[in-house]
């Protein structure tokens, strides 16, 4: 059943436009989640001792796997939507990674980081909104 559902997701023909938008939104959110988790794993892996060849450890291997998964999901999403419409949403990863760094690695929030993050997020919203009206 799961294989059939995955095949149906890749074959959008039978879905209504509303359901396709929901799937696309879920895909963008999934990509954002993968970015945040993979960046956190990359940070943890950079601080952990290397136990494998080429300086890898379990954290780094998991991060690289997630980067590959993100690329595959992103490619499927770009088949459905214009890059100018979905790419600005990836900028939402900045504040999410910033919060992840604060929560898991004890990184600090400075006024500069806060202002920069707000500017990036605001710009992303403006770009995405303009793309919707065109």
C-alpha atoms as a PDB file:
ATOM      1  CA  UNK A   1       0.000   0.000   0.000  1.00  0.00           C
ATOM      2  CA  UNK A   2       2.831   2.418   0.855  1.00  0.00           C
ATOM      3  CA  UNK A   3       4.497   1.804  -2.517  1.00  0.00           C
ATOM      4  CA  UNK A   4       1.223   2.503  -4.293  1.00  0.00           C
ATOM      5  CA  UNK A   5       0.795   5.770  -2.372  1.00  0.00           C
ATOM      6  CA  UNK A   6       4.342   6.856  -3.205  1.00  0.00           C
ATOM      7  CA  UNK A   7       3.668   6.122  -6.883  1.00  0.00           C
ATOM      8  CA  UNK A   8       0.446   8.142  -6.673  1.00  0.00           C
ATOM      9  CA  UNK A   9       2.325  11.101  -5.207  1.00  0.00           C
ATOM     10  CA  UNK A  10       4.716  11.048  -8.141  1.00  0.00           C
ATOM     11  CA  UNK A  11       1.791  10.831 -10.559  1.00  0.00           C
ATOM     12  CA  UNK A  12      -0.145  14.033  -9.833  1.00  0.00           C
ATOM     13  CA  UNK A  13      -2.532  13.600 -12.756  1.00  0.00           C
ATOM     14  CA  UNK A  14      -5.499  12.305 -10.779  1.00  0.00           C
ATOM     15  CA  UNK A  15      -5.256  14.861  -7.957  1.00  0.00           C
ATOM     16  CA  UNK A  16      -7.198  18.080  -7.714  1.00  0.00           C
ATOM     17  CA  UNK A  17      -5.261  21.375  -7.822  1.00  0.00           C
ATOM     18  CA  UNK A  18      -6.003  21.905  -4.122  1.00  0.00           C
ATOM     19  CA  UNK A  19      -4.541  18.540  -3.155  1.00  0.00           C
ATOM     20  CA  UNK A  20      -1.483  19.174  -5.334  1.00  0.00           C
ATOM     21  CA  UNK A  21      -0.908  22.475  -3.482  1.00  0.00           C
ATOM     22  CA  UNK A  22      -1.100  20.641  -0.151  1.00  0.00           C
ATOM     23  CA  UNK A  23       1.417  18.053  -1.337  1.00  0.00           C
ATOM     24  CA  UNK A  24       3.720  20.802  -2.621  1.00  0.00           C
ATOM     25  CA  UNK A  25       3.437  22.674   0.679  1.00  0.00           C
ATOM     26  CA  UNK A  26       4.239  19.486   2.569  1.00  0.00           C
ATOM     27  CA  UNK A  27       7.244  18.917   0.304  1.00  0.00           C
ATOM     28  CA  UNK A  28       8.578  22.442   0.978  1.00  0.00           C
ATOM     29  CA  UNK A  29       8.125  21.944   4.730  1.00  0.00           C
ATOM     30  CA  UNK A  30       9.829  18.556   4.501  1.00  0.00           C
ATOM     31  CA  UNK A  31      12.788  20.123   2.672  1.00  0.00           C
ATOM     32  CA  UNK A  32      13.012  22.799   5.390  1.00  0.00           C
ATOM     33  CA  UNK A  33      12.974  20.130   8.080  1.00  0.00           C
ATOM     34  CA  UNK A  34      15.722  18.197   6.297  1.00  0.00           C
ATOM     35  CA  UNK A  35      17.840  21.356   6.028  1.00  0.00           C
ATOM     36  CA  UNK A  36      17.531  22.117   9.746  1.00  0.00           C
ATOM     37  CA  UNK A  37      18.224  18.548  10.852  1.00  0.00           C
ATOM     38  CA  UNK A  38      21.118  18.057   8.424  1.00  0.00           C
ATOM     39  CA  UNK A  39      22.767  21.328   9.458  1.00  0.00           C
ATOM     40  CA  UNK A  40      22.438  20.327  13.111  1.00  0.00           C
ATOM     41  CA  UNK A  41      23.950  16.928  12.353  1.00  0.00           C
ATOM     42  CA  UNK A  42      26.743  18.595  10.398  1.00  0.00           C
ATOM     43  CA  UNK A  43      27.566  20.822  13.383  1.00  0.00           C
ATOM     44  CA  UNK A  44      27.483  17.851  15.778  1.00  0.00           C
ATOM     45  CA  UNK A  45      29.651  15.848  13.397  1.00  0.00           C
ATOM     46  CA  UNK A  46      32.168  18.648  13.046  1.00  0.00           C
ATOM     47  CA  UNK A  47      32.610  18.715  16.821  1.00  0.00           C
ATOM     48  CA  UNK A  48      32.653  14.918  17.283  1.00  0.00           C
ATOM     49  CA  UNK A  49      35.774  12.804  16.844  1.00  0.00           C
ATOM     50  CA  UNK A  50      36.207  11.118  13.473  1.00  0.00           C
ATOM     51  CA  UNK A  51      35.860   7.362  13.675  1.00  0.00           C
ATOM     52  CA  UNK A  52      35.598   6.428  10.000  1.00  0.00           C
ATOM     53  CA  UNK A  53      37.666   6.980   6.884  1.00  0.00           C
ATOM     54  CA  UNK A  54      37.937  10.449   5.331  1.00  0.00           C
ATOM     55  CA  UNK A  55      37.256  12.060   8.710  1.00  0.00           C
ATOM     56  CA  UNK A  56      33.642  10.940   8.778  1.00  0.00           C
ATOM     57  CA  UNK A  57      31.576   9.946  11.764  1.00  0.00           C
ATOM     58  CA  UNK A  58      27.954   8.908  12.179  1.00  0.00           C
ATOM     59  CA  UNK A  59      26.683  12.480  12.417  1.00  0.00           C
ATOM     60  CA  UNK A  60      28.401  13.547   9.208  1.00  0.00           C
ATOM     61  CA  UNK A  61      27.289  10.419   7.344  1.00  0.00           C
ATOM     62  CA  UNK A  62      23.666  11.052   8.379  1.00  0.00           C
ATOM     63  CA  UNK A  63      23.958  14.719   7.355  1.00  0.00           C
ATOM     64  CA  UNK A  64      25.294  13.802   3.904  1.00  0.00           C
ATOM     65  CA  UNK A  65      22.505  11.260   3.440  1.00  0.00           C
ATOM     66  CA  UNK A  66      19.925  13.919   4.315  1.00  0.00           C
ATOM     67  CA  UNK A  67      21.532  16.332   1.830  1.00  0.00           C
ATOM     68  CA  UNK A  68      21.015  13.714  -0.887  1.00  0.00           C
ATOM     69  CA  UNK A  69      17.421  13.118   0.205  1.00  0.00           C
ATOM     70  CA  UNK A  70      16.760  16.857   0.209  1.00  0.00           C
ATOM     71  CA  UNK A  71      18.093  17.106  -3.332  1.00  0.00           C
ATOM     72  CA  UNK A  72      15.778  14.351  -4.525  1.00  0.00           C
ATOM     73  CA  UNK A  73      12.681  15.854  -2.878  1.00  0.00           C
ATOM     74  CA  UNK A  74      13.645  19.305  -4.165  1.00  0.00           C
ATOM     75  CA  UNK A  75      13.990  18.006  -7.738  1.00  0.00           C
ATOM     76  CA  UNK A  76      10.529  16.431  -7.546  1.00  0.00           C
ATOM     77  CA  UNK A  77       9.113  19.680  -6.217  1.00  0.00           C
ATOM     78  CA  UNK A  78      10.715  21.710  -9.001  1.00  0.00           C
ATOM     79  CA  UNK A  79       9.008  19.481 -11.535  1.00  0.00           C
ATOM     80  CA  UNK A  80       5.704  20.787 -10.174  1.00  0.00           C
ATOM     81  CA  UNK A  81       6.363  24.441  -9.350  1.00  0.00           C
ATOM     82  CA  UNK A  82       8.446  27.300 -10.745  1.00  0.00           C
ATOM     83  CA  UNK A  83      11.745  27.780  -8.952  1.00  0.00           C
ATOM     84  CA  UNK A  84      10.967  31.488  -8.503  1.00  0.00           C
ATOM     85  CA  UNK A  85       7.899  30.512  -6.482  1.00  0.00           C
ATOM     86  CA  UNK A  86       9.321  27.858  -4.152  1.00  0.00           C
ATOM     87  CA  UNK A  87      12.955  28.906  -3.690  1.00  0.00           C
ATOM     88  CA  UNK A  88      12.217  31.913  -1.445  1.00  0.00           C
ATOM     89  CA  UNK A  89      10.696  29.562   1.112  1.00  0.00           C
ATOM     90  CA  UNK A  90      14.110  27.959   1.623  1.00  0.00           C
ATOM     91  CA  UNK A  91      15.192  31.216   3.255  1.00  0.00           C
ATOM     92  CA  UNK A  92      12.960  30.240   6.152  1.00  0.00           C
ATOM     93  CA  UNK A  93      15.719  27.772   7.011  1.00  0.00           C
ATOM     94  CA  UNK A  94      17.850  30.661   8.336  1.00  0.00           C
ATOM     95  CA  UNK A  95      15.729  31.408  11.399  1.00  0.00           C
ATOM     96  CA  UNK A  96      15.059  27.707  11.973  1.00  0.00           C
ATOM     97  CA  UNK A  97      18.775  26.855  11.924  1.00  0.00           C
ATOM     98  CA  UNK A  98      19.463  29.835  14.179  1.00  0.00           C
ATOM     99  CA  UNK A  99      16.976  28.514  16.749  1.00  0.00           C
ATOM    100  CA  UNK A 100      18.422  25.010  16.393  1.00  0.00           C
ATOM    101  CA  UNK A 101      21.895  26.365  17.127  1.00  0.00           C
ATOM    102  CA  UNK A 102      20.612  28.111  20.212  1.00  0.00           C
ATOM    103  CA  UNK A 103      18.709  25.073  21.503  1.00  0.00           C
ATOM    104  CA  UNK A 104      21.182  22.304  20.788  1.00  0.00           C
ATOM    105  CA  UNK A 105      24.597  23.975  20.704  1.00  0.00           C
ATOM    106  CA  UNK A 106      24.275  26.878  23.122  1.00  0.00           C
ATOM    107  CA  UNK A 107      24.861  29.495  20.440  1.00  0.00           C
ATOM    108  CA  UNK A 108      23.880  33.035  21.285  1.00  0.00           C
ATOM    109  CA  UNK A 109      21.311  35.348  19.742  1.00  0.00           C
ATOM    110  CA  UNK A 110      22.789  38.735  19.001  1.00  0.00           C
ATOM    111  CA  UNK A 111      20.939  41.819  17.765  1.00  0.00           C
ATOM    112  CA  UNK A 112      22.765  41.506  14.446  1.00  0.00           C
ATOM    113  CA  UNK A 113      21.654  37.895  13.970  1.00  0.00           C
ATOM    114  CA  UNK A 114      18.090  38.803  14.857  1.00  0.00           C
ATOM    115  CA  UNK A 115      17.930  41.803  12.519  1.00  0.00           C
ATOM    116  CA  UNK A 116      19.586  39.876   9.682  1.00  0.00           C
ATOM    117  CA  UNK A 117      17.223  36.968  10.075  1.00  0.00           C
ATOM    118  CA  UNK A 118      14.178  39.227  10.090  1.00  0.00           C
ATOM    119  CA  UNK A 119      15.407  40.982   6.944  1.00  0.00           C
ATOM    120  CA  UNK A 120      15.984  37.677   5.148  1.00  0.00           C
ATOM    121  CA  UNK A 121      12.577  36.303   6.145  1.00  0.00           C
ATOM    122  CA  UNK A 122      10.834  39.542   5.168  1.00  0.00           C
ATOM    123  CA  UNK A 123      12.555  39.570   1.795  1.00  0.00           C
ATOM    124  CA  UNK A 124      11.553  35.967   1.196  1.00  0.00           C
ATOM    125  CA  UNK A 125       7.912  36.732   1.912  1.00  0.00           C
ATOM    126  CA  UNK A 126       7.980  39.732  -0.431  1.00  0.00           C
ATOM    127  CA  UNK A 127       9.580  37.717  -3.232  1.00  0.00           C
ATOM    128  CA  UNK A 128       7.169  34.802  -2.817  1.00  0.00           C
ATOM    129  CA  UNK A 129       4.166  37.131  -2.736  1.00  0.00           C
ATOM    130  CA  UNK A 130       5.292  38.911  -5.912  1.00  0.00           C
ATOM    131  CA  UNK A 131       5.723  35.538  -7.628  1.00  0.00           C
ATOM    132  CA  UNK A 132       2.142  34.611  -6.708  1.00  0.00           C
ATOM    133  CA  UNK A 133       0.683  37.785  -8.238  1.00  0.00           C
ATOM    134  CA  UNK A 134       2.573  37.480 -11.533  1.00  0.00           C
END
